[in-house]
Amino acid sequence: LALFNLGFRPFFLGAAVYAVVSIFIWLGLYGLGWS
């Protein structure tokens, strides 16, 4: 497993996952009326 061999690996993967998750949450809060 090379995920922690160099800084770009975990942080780019984490950033991309969070780009999806955080905007999905924001979509629910803004567009779907989530609490």
PDB file of all heavy atoms in Angstrom:
ATOM      1  N   LEU A   1       0.851  -1.174   0.000  1.00  0.00           N
ATOM      2  CA  LEU A   1       0.000   0.000   0.000  1.00  0.00           C
ATOM      3  C   LEU A   1       0.891   1.229   0.000  1.00  0.00           C
ATOM      4  O   LEU A   1       1.745   1.393   0.863  1.00  0.00           O
ATOM      5  CB  LEU A   1      -0.905  -0.002   1.238  1.00  0.00           C
ATOM      6  CG  LEU A   1      -1.840   1.198   1.396  1.00  0.00           C
ATOM      7  CD1 LEU A   1      -2.943   1.149   0.344  1.00  0.00           C
ATOM      8  CD2 LEU A   1      -2.462   1.215   2.796  1.00  0.00           C
ATOM      9  N   ALA A   2       0.680   2.122  -0.974  1.00  0.00           N
ATOM     10  CA  ALA A   2       1.560   3.280  -1.130  1.00  0.00           C
ATOM     11  C   ALA A   2       0.893   4.576  -0.683  1.00  0.00           C
ATOM     12  O   ALA A   2       1.436   5.652  -0.915  1.00  0.00           O
ATOM     13  CB  ALA A   2       2.006   3.405  -2.587  1.00  0.00           C
ATOM     14  N   LEU A   3      -0.259   4.492  -0.019  1.00  0.00           N
ATOM     15  CA  LEU A   3      -1.056   5.674   0.286  1.00  0.00           C
ATOM     16  C   LEU A   3      -0.300   6.711   1.106  1.00  0.00           C
ATOM     17  O   LEU A   3      -0.495   7.914   0.935  1.00  0.00           O
ATOM     18  CB  LEU A   3      -2.338   5.267   1.022  1.00  0.00           C
ATOM     19  CG  LEU A   3      -3.309   6.388   1.376  1.00  0.00           C
ATOM     20  CD1 LEU A   3      -3.784   7.118   0.123  1.00  0.00           C
ATOM     21  CD2 LEU A   3      -4.489   5.840   2.164  1.00  0.00           C
ATOM     22  N   PHE A   4       0.601   6.247   1.977  1.00  0.00           N
ATOM     23  CA  PHE A   4       1.324   7.175   2.849  1.00  0.00           C
ATOM     24  C   PHE A   4       2.816   7.273   2.492  1.00  0.00           C
ATOM     25  O   PHE A   4       3.644   7.571   3.346  1.00  0.00           O
ATOM     26  CB  PHE A   4       1.134   6.776   4.317  1.00  0.00           C
ATOM     27  CG  PHE A   4      -0.296   6.919   4.767  1.00  0.00           C
ATOM     28  CD1 PHE A   4      -1.090   5.792   4.931  1.00  0.00           C
ATOM     29  CD2 PHE A   4      -0.848   8.165   4.996  1.00  0.00           C
ATOM     30  CE1 PHE A   4      -2.419   5.911   5.329  1.00  0.00           C
ATOM     31  CE2 PHE A   4      -2.166   8.305   5.395  1.00  0.00           C
ATOM     32  CZ  PHE A   4      -2.965   7.181   5.562  1.00  0.00           C
ATOM     33  N   ASN A   5       3.116   7.044   1.212  1.00  0.00           N
ATOM     34  CA  ASN A   5       4.507   7.166   0.756  1.00  0.00           C
ATOM     35  C   ASN A   5       4.942   8.613   0.546  1.00  0.00           C
ATOM     36  O   ASN A   5       6.116   8.936   0.674  1.00  0.00           O
ATOM     37  CB  ASN A   5       4.714   6.391  -0.545  1.00  0.00           C
ATOM     38  CG  ASN A   5       4.856   4.891  -0.304  1.00  0.00           C
ATOM     39  OD1 ASN A   5       4.658   4.417   0.810  1.00  0.00           O
ATOM     40  ND2 ASN A   5       5.182   4.153  -1.349  1.00  0.00           N
ATOM     41  N   LEU A   6       4.011   9.478   0.165  1.00  0.00           N
ATOM     42  CA  LEU A   6       4.323  10.886  -0.096  1.00  0.00           C
ATOM     43  C   LEU A   6       3.055  11.703   0.107  1.00  0.00           C
ATOM     44  O   LEU A   6       1.943  11.196  -0.107  1.00  0.00           O
ATOM     45  CB  LEU A   6       4.875  11.058  -1.511  1.00  0.00           C
ATOM     46  CG  LEU A   6       5.576  12.381  -1.843  1.00  0.00           C
ATOM     47  CD1 LEU A   6       6.723  12.677  -0.874  1.00  0.00           C
ATOM     48  CD2 LEU A   6       6.104  12.365  -3.276  1.00  0.00           C
ATOM     49  N   GLY A   7       3.205  12.963   0.470  1.00  0.00           N
ATOM     50  CA  GLY A   7       2.090  13.779   0.944  1.00  0.00           C
ATOM     51  C   GLY A   7       0.920  13.931   0.000  1.00  0.00           C
ATOM     52  O   GLY A   7      -0.234  14.028   0.435  1.00  0.00           O
ATOM     53  N   PHE A   8       1.178  13.951  -1.318  1.00  0.00           N
ATOM     54  CA  PHE A   8       0.073  14.174  -2.236  1.00  0.00           C
ATOM     55  C   PHE A   8      -0.941  13.033  -2.200  1.00  0.00           C
ATOM     56  O   PHE A   8      -2.132  13.247  -2.457  1.00  0.00           O
ATOM     57  CB  PHE A   8       0.593  14.365  -3.673  1.00  0.00           C
ATOM     58  CG  PHE A   8       1.032  13.105  -4.365  1.00  0.00           C
ATOM     59  CD1 PHE A   8       0.158  12.401  -5.181  1.00  0.00           C
ATOM     60  CD2 PHE A   8       2.321  12.618  -4.204  1.00  0.00           C
ATOM     61  CE1 PHE A   8       0.564  11.242  -5.826  1.00  0.00           C
ATOM     62  CE2 PHE A   8       2.740  11.465  -4.842  1.00  0.00           C
ATOM     63  CZ  PHE A   8       1.862  10.762  -5.657  1.00  0.00           C
ATOM     64  N   ARG A   9      -0.512  11.829  -1.861  1.00  0.00           N
ATOM     65  CA  ARG A   9      -1.393  10.670  -1.955  1.00  0.00           C
ATOM     66  C   ARG A   9      -2.588  10.753  -0.988  1.00  0.00           C
ATOM     67  O   ARG A   9      -3.753  10.780  -1.435  1.00  0.00           O
ATOM     68  CB  ARG A   9      -0.594   9.386  -1.722  1.00  0.00           C
ATOM     69  CG  ARG A   9       0.378   9.048  -2.852  1.00  0.00           C
ATOM     70  CD  ARG A   9       1.166   7.791  -2.542  1.00  0.00           C
ATOM     71  NE  ARG A   9       2.061   7.370  -3.603  1.00  0.00           N
ATOM     72  CZ  ARG A   9       1.735   6.584  -4.612  1.00  0.00           C
ATOM     73  NH1 ARG A   9       0.495   6.127  -4.701  1.00  0.00           N
ATOM     74  NH2 ARG A   9       2.623   6.249  -5.537  1.00  0.00           N
ATOM     75  N   PRO A  10      -2.392  10.793   0.330  1.00  0.00           N
ATOM     76  CA  PRO A  10      -3.556  10.840   1.219  1.00  0.00           C
ATOM     77  C   PRO A  10      -4.312  12.162   1.133  1.00  0.00           C
ATOM     78  O   PRO A  10      -5.550  12.171   1.221  1.00  0.00           O
ATOM     79  CB  PRO A  10      -2.943  10.647   2.610  1.00  0.00           C
ATOM     80  CG  PRO A  10      -1.540  11.135   2.489  1.00  0.00           C
ATOM     81  CD  PRO A  10      -1.119  10.758   1.100  1.00  0.00           C
ATOM     82  N   PHE A  11      -3.607  13.270   0.942  1.00  0.00           N
ATOM     83  CA  PHE A  11      -4.289  14.564   0.971  1.00  0.00           C
ATOM     84  C   PHE A  11      -5.077  14.839  -0.308  1.00  0.00           C
ATOM     85  O   PHE A  11      -6.154  15.433  -0.245  1.00  0.00           O
ATOM     86  CB  PHE A  11      -3.287  15.681   1.270  1.00  0.00           C
ATOM     87  CG  PHE A  11      -2.927  15.760   2.720  1.00  0.00           C
ATOM     88  CD1 PHE A  11      -1.682  15.346   3.167  1.00  0.00           C
ATOM     89  CD2 PHE A  11      -3.842  16.220   3.659  1.00  0.00           C
ATOM     90  CE1 PHE A  11      -1.354  15.402   4.521  1.00  0.00           C
ATOM     91  CE2 PHE A  11      -3.531  16.280   5.007  1.00  0.00           C
ATOM     92  CZ  PHE A  11      -2.284  15.866   5.440  1.00  0.00           C
ATOM     93  N   PHE A  12      -4.597  14.398  -1.454  1.00  0.00           N
ATOM     94  CA  PHE A  12      -5.391  14.555  -2.673  1.00  0.00           C
ATOM     95  C   PHE A  12      -6.599  13.632  -2.640  1.00  0.00           C
ATOM     96  O   PHE A  12      -7.700  14.018  -3.040  1.00  0.00           O
ATOM     97  CB  PHE A  12      -4.539  14.249  -3.915  1.00  0.00           C
ATOM     98  CG  PHE A  12      -3.553  15.334  -4.262  1.00  0.00           C
ATOM     99  CD1 PHE A  12      -3.435  16.479  -3.498  1.00  0.00           C
ATOM    100  CD2 PHE A  12      -2.733  15.211  -5.375  1.00  0.00           C
ATOM    101  CE1 PHE A  12      -2.518  17.490  -3.816  1.00  0.00           C
ATOM    102  CE2 PHE A  12      -1.827  16.202  -5.714  1.00  0.00           C
ATOM    103  CZ  PHE A  12      -1.717  17.338  -4.932  1.00  0.00           C
ATOM    104  N   LEU A  13      -6.396  12.407  -2.158  1.00  0.00           N
ATOM    105  CA  LEU A  13      -7.528  11.482  -2.058  1.00  0.00           C
ATOM    106  C   LEU A  13      -8.546  11.994  -1.044  1.00  0.00           C
ATOM    107  O   LEU A  13      -9.759  12.003  -1.313  1.00  0.00           O
ATOM    108  CB  LEU A  13      -7.028  10.087  -1.657  1.00  0.00           C
ATOM    109  CG  LEU A  13      -8.091   8.978  -1.616  1.00  0.00           C
ATOM    110  CD1 LEU A  13      -8.747   8.804  -2.975  1.00  0.00           C
ATOM    111  CD2 LEU A  13      -7.467   7.659  -1.153  1.00  0.00           C
ATOM    112  N   GLY A  14      -8.067  12.443   0.119  1.00  0.00           N
ATOM    113  CA  GLY A  14      -8.977  12.982   1.135  1.00  0.00           C
ATOM    114  C   GLY A  14      -9.700  14.222   0.646  1.00  0.00           C
ATOM    115  O   GLY A  14     -10.901  14.392   0.884  1.00  0.00           O
ATOM    116  N   ALA A  15      -8.980  15.109  -0.071  1.00  0.00           N
ATOM    117  CA  ALA A  15      -9.603  16.328  -0.596  1.00  0.00           C
ATOM    118  C   ALA A  15     -10.698  15.996  -1.592  1.00  0.00           C
ATOM    119  O   ALA A  15     -11.786  16.609  -1.572  1.00  0.00           O
ATOM    120  CB  ALA A  15      -8.538  17.208  -1.252  1.00  0.00           C
ATOM    121  N   ALA A  16     -10.446  15.035  -2.471  1.00  0.00           N
ATOM    122  CA  ALA A  16     -11.439  14.681  -3.482  1.00  0.00           C
ATOM    123  C   ALA A  16     -12.680  14.045  -2.854  1.00  0.00           C
ATOM    124  O   ALA A  16     -13.812  14.355  -3.243  1.00  0.00           O
ATOM    125  CB  ALA A  16     -10.816  13.735  -4.508  1.00  0.00           C
ATOM    126  N   VAL A  17     -12.467  13.155  -1.892  1.00  0.00           N
ATOM    127  CA  VAL A  17     -13.616  12.556  -1.188  1.00  0.00           C
ATOM    128  C   VAL A  17     -14.406  13.639  -0.475  1.00  0.00           C
ATOM    129  O   VAL A  17     -15.649  13.670  -0.529  1.00  0.00           O
ATOM    130  CB  VAL A  17     -13.137  11.474  -0.193  1.00  0.00           C
ATOM    131  CG1 VAL A  17     -14.296  11.024   0.695  1.00  0.00           C
ATOM    132  CG2 VAL A  17     -12.539  10.284  -0.930  1.00  0.00           C
ATOM    133  N   TYR A  18     -13.694  14.549   0.176  1.00  0.00           N
ATOM    134  CA  TYR A  18     -14.378  15.609   0.919  1.00  0.00           C
ATOM    135  C   TYR A  18     -15.060  16.602  -0.020  1.00  0.00           C
ATOM    136  O   TYR A  18     -16.081  17.187   0.334  1.00  0.00           O
ATOM    137  CB  TYR A  18     -13.390  16.333   1.824  1.00  0.00           C
ATOM    138  CG  TYR A  18     -14.077  17.141   2.899  1.00  0.00           C
ATOM    139  CD1 TYR A  18     -14.950  16.530   3.801  1.00  0.00           C
ATOM    140  CD2 TYR A  18     -13.873  18.515   3.011  1.00  0.00           C
ATOM    141  CE1 TYR A  18     -15.592  17.264   4.779  1.00  0.00           C
ATOM    142  CE2 TYR A  18     -14.502  19.252   3.998  1.00  0.00           C
ATOM    143  CZ  TYR A  18     -15.370  18.622   4.876  1.00  0.00           C
ATOM    144  OH  TYR A  18     -16.011  19.354   5.845  1.00  0.00           O
ATOM    145  N   ALA A  19     -14.505  16.794  -1.223  1.00  0.00           N
ATOM    146  CA  ALA A  19     -15.159  17.641  -2.214  1.00  0.00           C
ATOM    147  C   ALA A  19     -16.544  17.102  -2.556  1.00  0.00           C
ATOM    148  O   ALA A  19     -17.497  17.867  -2.748  1.00  0.00           O
ATOM    149  CB  ALA A  19     -14.300  17.733  -3.477  1.00  0.00           C
ATOM    150  N   VAL A  20     -16.664  15.786  -2.612  1.00  0.00           N
ATOM    151  CA  VAL A  20     -17.948  15.159  -2.897  1.00  0.00           C
ATOM    152  C   VAL A  20     -18.851  15.202  -1.671  1.00  0.00           C
ATOM    153  O   VAL A  20     -20.016  15.629  -1.742  1.00  0.00           O
ATOM    154  CB  VAL A  20     -17.743  13.695  -3.359  1.00  0.00           C
ATOM    155  CG1 VAL A  20     -19.091  12.985  -3.511  1.00  0.00           C
ATOM    156  CG2 VAL A  20     -16.970  13.652  -4.669  1.00  0.00           C
ATOM    157  N   VAL A  21     -18.333  14.776  -0.525  1.00  0.00           N
ATOM    158  CA  VAL A  21     -19.153  14.661   0.690  1.00  0.00           C
ATOM    159  C   VAL A  21     -19.644  16.024   1.168  1.00  0.00           C
ATOM    160  O   VAL A  21     -20.833  16.198   1.481  1.00  0.00           O
ATOM    161  CB  VAL A  21     -18.348  13.956   1.806  1.00  0.00           C
ATOM    162  CG1 VAL A  21     -19.114  14.007   3.135  1.00  0.00           C
ATOM    163  CG2 VAL A  21     -18.066  12.506   1.423  1.00  0.00           C
ATOM    164  N   SER A  22     -18.756  17.009   1.233  1.00  0.00           N
ATOM    165  CA  SER A  22     -19.131  18.311   1.781  1.00  0.00           C
ATOM    166  C   SER A  22     -20.142  19.024   0.892  1.00  0.00           C
ATOM    167  O   SER A  22     -21.083  19.659   1.386  1.00  0.00           O
ATOM    168  CB  SER A  22     -17.900  19.186   1.998  1.00  0.00           C
ATOM    169  OG  SER A  22     -17.232  19.416   0.777  1.00  0.00           O
ATOM    170  N   ILE A  23     -19.970  18.941  -0.437  1.00  0.00           N
ATOM    171  CA  ILE A  23     -20.933  19.585  -1.328  1.00  0.00           C
ATOM    172  C   ILE A  23     -22.248  18.809  -1.350  1.00  0.00           C
ATOM    173  O   ILE A  23     -23.325  19.409  -1.508  1.00  0.00           O
ATOM    174  CB  ILE A  23     -20.347  19.740  -2.744  1.00  0.00           C
ATOM    175  CG1 ILE A  23     -19.172  20.711  -2.702  1.00  0.00           C
ATOM    176  CG2 ILE A  23     -21.399  20.258  -3.717  1.00  0.00           C
ATOM    177  CD1 ILE A  23     -19.537  22.118  -2.229  1.00  0.00           C
ATOM    178  N   PHE A  24     -22.202  17.494  -1.147  1.00  0.00           N
ATOM    179  CA  PHE A  24     -23.452  16.729  -1.020  1.00  0.00           C
ATOM    180  C   PHE A  24     -24.227  17.188   0.211  1.00  0.00           C
ATOM    181  O   PHE A  24     -25.450  17.369   0.168  1.00  0.00           O
ATOM    182  CB  PHE A  24     -23.146  15.238  -0.938  1.00  0.00           C
ATOM    183  CG  PHE A  24     -24.380  14.382  -0.807  1.00  0.00           C
ATOM    184  CD1 PHE A  24     -25.174  14.106  -1.913  1.00  0.00           C
ATOM    185  CD2 PHE A  24     -24.755  13.865   0.427  1.00  0.00           C
ATOM    186  CE1 PHE A  24     -26.318  13.328  -1.795  1.00  0.00           C
ATOM    187  CE2 PHE A  24     -25.891  13.086   0.563  1.00  0.00           C
ATOM    188  CZ  PHE A  24     -26.680  12.821  -0.559  1.00  0.00           C
ATOM    189  N   ILE A  25     -23.509  17.396   1.318  1.00  0.00           N
ATOM    190  CA  ILE A  25     -24.162  17.915   2.530  1.00  0.00           C
ATOM    191  C   ILE A  25     -24.717  19.315   2.270  1.00  0.00           C
ATOM    192  O   ILE A  25     -25.845  19.634   2.651  1.00  0.00           O
ATOM    193  CB  ILE A  25     -23.167  17.937   3.711  1.00  0.00           C
ATOM    194  CG1 ILE A  25     -22.761  16.509   4.098  1.00  0.00           C
ATOM    195  CG2 ILE A  25     -23.770  18.658   4.919  1.00  0.00           C
ATOM    196  CD1 ILE A  25     -21.657  16.448   5.139  1.00  0.00           C
ATOM    197  N   TRP A  26     -23.909  20.157   1.600  1.00  0.00           N
ATOM    198  CA  TRP A  26     -24.355  21.521   1.295  1.00  0.00           C
ATOM    199  C   TRP A  26     -25.559  21.513   0.359  1.00  0.00           C
ATOM    200  O   TRP A  26     -26.481  22.324   0.494  1.00  0.00           O
ATOM    201  CB  TRP A  26     -23.198  22.304   0.680  1.00  0.00           C
ATOM    202  CG  TRP A  26     -23.520  23.719   0.292  1.00  0.00           C
ATOM    203  CD1 TRP A  26     -23.338  24.289  -0.928  1.00  0.00           C
ATOM    204  CD2 TRP A  26     -24.061  24.748   1.130  1.00  0.00           C
ATOM    205  NE1 TRP A  26     -23.736  25.602  -0.912  1.00  0.00           N
ATOM    206  CE2 TRP A  26     -24.180  25.908   0.344  1.00  0.00           C
ATOM    207  CE3 TRP A  26     -24.453  24.799   2.456  1.00  0.00           C
ATOM    208  CZ2 TRP A  26     -24.679  27.110   0.831  1.00  0.00           C
ATOM    209  CZ3 TRP A  26     -24.951  25.988   2.967  1.00  0.00           C
ATOM    210  CH2 TRP A  26     -25.062  27.131   2.156  1.00  0.00           C
ATOM    211  N   LEU A  27     -25.593  20.572  -0.584  1.00  0.00           N
ATOM    212  CA  LEU A  27     -26.745  20.415  -1.467  1.00  0.00           C
ATOM    213  C   LEU A  27     -27.997  20.087  -0.657  1.00  0.00           C
ATOM    214  O   LEU A  27     -29.077  20.643  -0.899  1.00  0.00           O
ATOM    215  CB  LEU A  27     -26.469  19.303  -2.491  1.00  0.00           C
ATOM    216  CG  LEU A  27     -27.625  18.882  -3.403  1.00  0.00           C
ATOM    217  CD1 LEU A  27     -28.048  20.028  -4.303  1.00  0.00           C
ATOM    218  CD2 LEU A  27     -27.212  17.670  -4.250  1.00  0.00           C
ATOM    219  N   GLY A  28     -27.836  19.204   0.329  1.00  0.00           N
ATOM    220  CA  GLY A  28     -28.975  18.871   1.183  1.00  0.00           C
ATOM    221  C   GLY A  28     -29.432  20.047   2.023  1.00  0.00           C
ATOM    222  O   GLY A  28     -30.636  20.301   2.176  1.00  0.00           O
ATOM    223  N   LEU A  29     -28.467  20.803   2.575  1.00  0.00           N
ATOM    224  CA  LEU A  29     -28.811  21.942   3.426  1.00  0.00           C
ATOM    225  C   LEU A  29     -29.451  23.071   2.628  1.00  0.00           C
ATOM    226  O   LEU A  29     -30.449  23.656   3.053  1.00  0.00           O
ATOM    227  CB  LEU A  29     -27.551  22.466   4.131  1.00  0.00           C
ATOM    228  CG  LEU A  29     -26.904  21.544   5.160  1.00  0.00           C
ATOM    229  CD1 LEU A  29     -25.565  22.119   5.615  1.00  0.00           C
ATOM    230  CD2 LEU A  29     -27.820  21.351   6.363  1.00  0.00           C
ATOM    231  N   TYR A  30     -28.898  23.368   1.459  1.00  0.00           N
ATOM    232  CA  TYR A  30     -29.360  24.523   0.695  1.00  0.00           C
ATOM    233  C   TYR A  30     -30.537  24.186  -0.219  1.00  0.00           C
ATOM    234  O   TYR A  30     -31.512  24.935  -0.290  1.00  0.00           O
ATOM    235  CB  TYR A  30     -28.216  25.085  -0.145  1.00  0.00           C
ATOM    236  CG  TYR A  30     -28.537  26.415  -0.788  1.00  0.00           C
ATOM    237  CD1 TYR A  30     -28.254  27.613  -0.137  1.00  0.00           C
ATOM    238  CD2 TYR A  30     -29.155  26.486  -2.037  1.00  0.00           C
ATOM    239  CE1 TYR A  30     -28.559  28.837  -0.706  1.00  0.00           C
ATOM    240  CE2 TYR A  30     -29.471  27.700  -2.618  1.00  0.00           C
ATOM    241  CZ  TYR A  30     -29.171  28.869  -1.951  1.00  0.00           C
ATOM    242  OH  TYR A  30     -29.490  30.074  -2.526  1.00  0.00           O
ATOM    243  N   GLY A  31     -30.432  23.047  -0.922  1.00  0.00           N
ATOM    244  CA  GLY A  31     -31.441  22.743  -1.936  1.00  0.00           C
ATOM    245  C   GLY A  31     -32.561  21.849  -1.477  1.00  0.00           C
ATOM    246  O   GLY A  31     -33.661  21.882  -2.049  1.00  0.00           O
ATOM    247  N   LEU A  32     -32.313  21.038  -0.448  1.00  0.00           N
ATOM    248  CA  LEU A  32     -33.314  20.055  -0.027  1.00  0.00           C
ATOM    249  C   LEU A  32     -33.897  20.341   1.351  1.00  0.00           C
ATOM    250  O   LEU A  32     -34.752  19.589   1.818  1.00  0.00           O
ATOM    251  CB  LEU A  32     -32.694  18.647  -0.045  1.00  0.00           C
ATOM    252  CG  LEU A  32     -32.099  18.192  -1.387  1.00  0.00           C
ATOM    253  CD1 LEU A  32     -31.470  16.812  -1.249  1.00  0.00           C
ATOM    254  CD2 LEU A  32     -33.165  18.195  -2.478  1.00  0.00           C
ATOM    255  N   GLY A  33     -33.417  21.390   2.006  1.00  0.00           N
ATOM    256  CA  GLY A  33     -33.998  21.791   3.282  1.00  0.00           C
ATOM    257  C   GLY A  33     -33.618  20.932   4.466  1.00  0.00           C
ATOM    258  O   GLY A  33     -34.354  20.867   5.455  1.00  0.00           O
ATOM    259  N   TRP A  34     -32.462  20.268   4.401  1.00  0.00           N
ATOM    260  CA  TRP A  34     -32.017  19.488   5.558  1.00  0.00           C
ATOM    261  C   TRP A  34     -31.756  20.407   6.754  1.00  0.00           C
ATOM    262  O   TRP A  34     -31.409  21.578   6.590  1.00  0.00           O
ATOM    263  CB  TRP A  34     -30.723  18.749   5.232  1.00  0.00           C
ATOM    264  CG  TRP A  34     -30.865  17.645   4.241  1.00  0.00           C
ATOM    265  CD1 TRP A  34     -31.993  17.245   3.599  1.00  0.00           C
ATOM    266  CD2 TRP A  34     -29.804  16.810   3.751  1.00  0.00           C
ATOM    267  NE1 TRP A  34     -31.722  16.216   2.729  1.00  0.00           N
ATOM    268  CE2 TRP A  34     -30.384  15.925   2.810  1.00  0.00           C
ATOM    269  CE3 TRP A  34     -28.450  16.726   4.016  1.00  0.00           C
ATOM    270  CZ2 TRP A  34     -29.634  14.966   2.139  1.00  0.00           C
ATOM    271  CZ3 TRP A  34     -27.691  15.776   3.343  1.00  0.00           C
ATOM    272  CH2 TRP A  34     -28.286  14.898   2.424  1.00  0.00           C
ATOM    273  N   SER A  35     -31.899  19.852   7.933  1.00  0.00           N
ATOM    274  CA  SER A  35     -31.589  20.606   9.147  1.00  0.00           C
ATOM    275  C   SER A  35     -30.091  20.549   9.417  1.00  0.00           C
ATOM    276  O   SER A  35     -29.468  19.489   9.281  1.00  0.00           O
ATOM    277  CB  SER A  35     -32.344  20.019  10.346  1.00  0.00           C
ATOM    278  OG  SER A  35     -33.743  20.117  10.152  1.00  0.00           O
TER     279      SER A  35
END
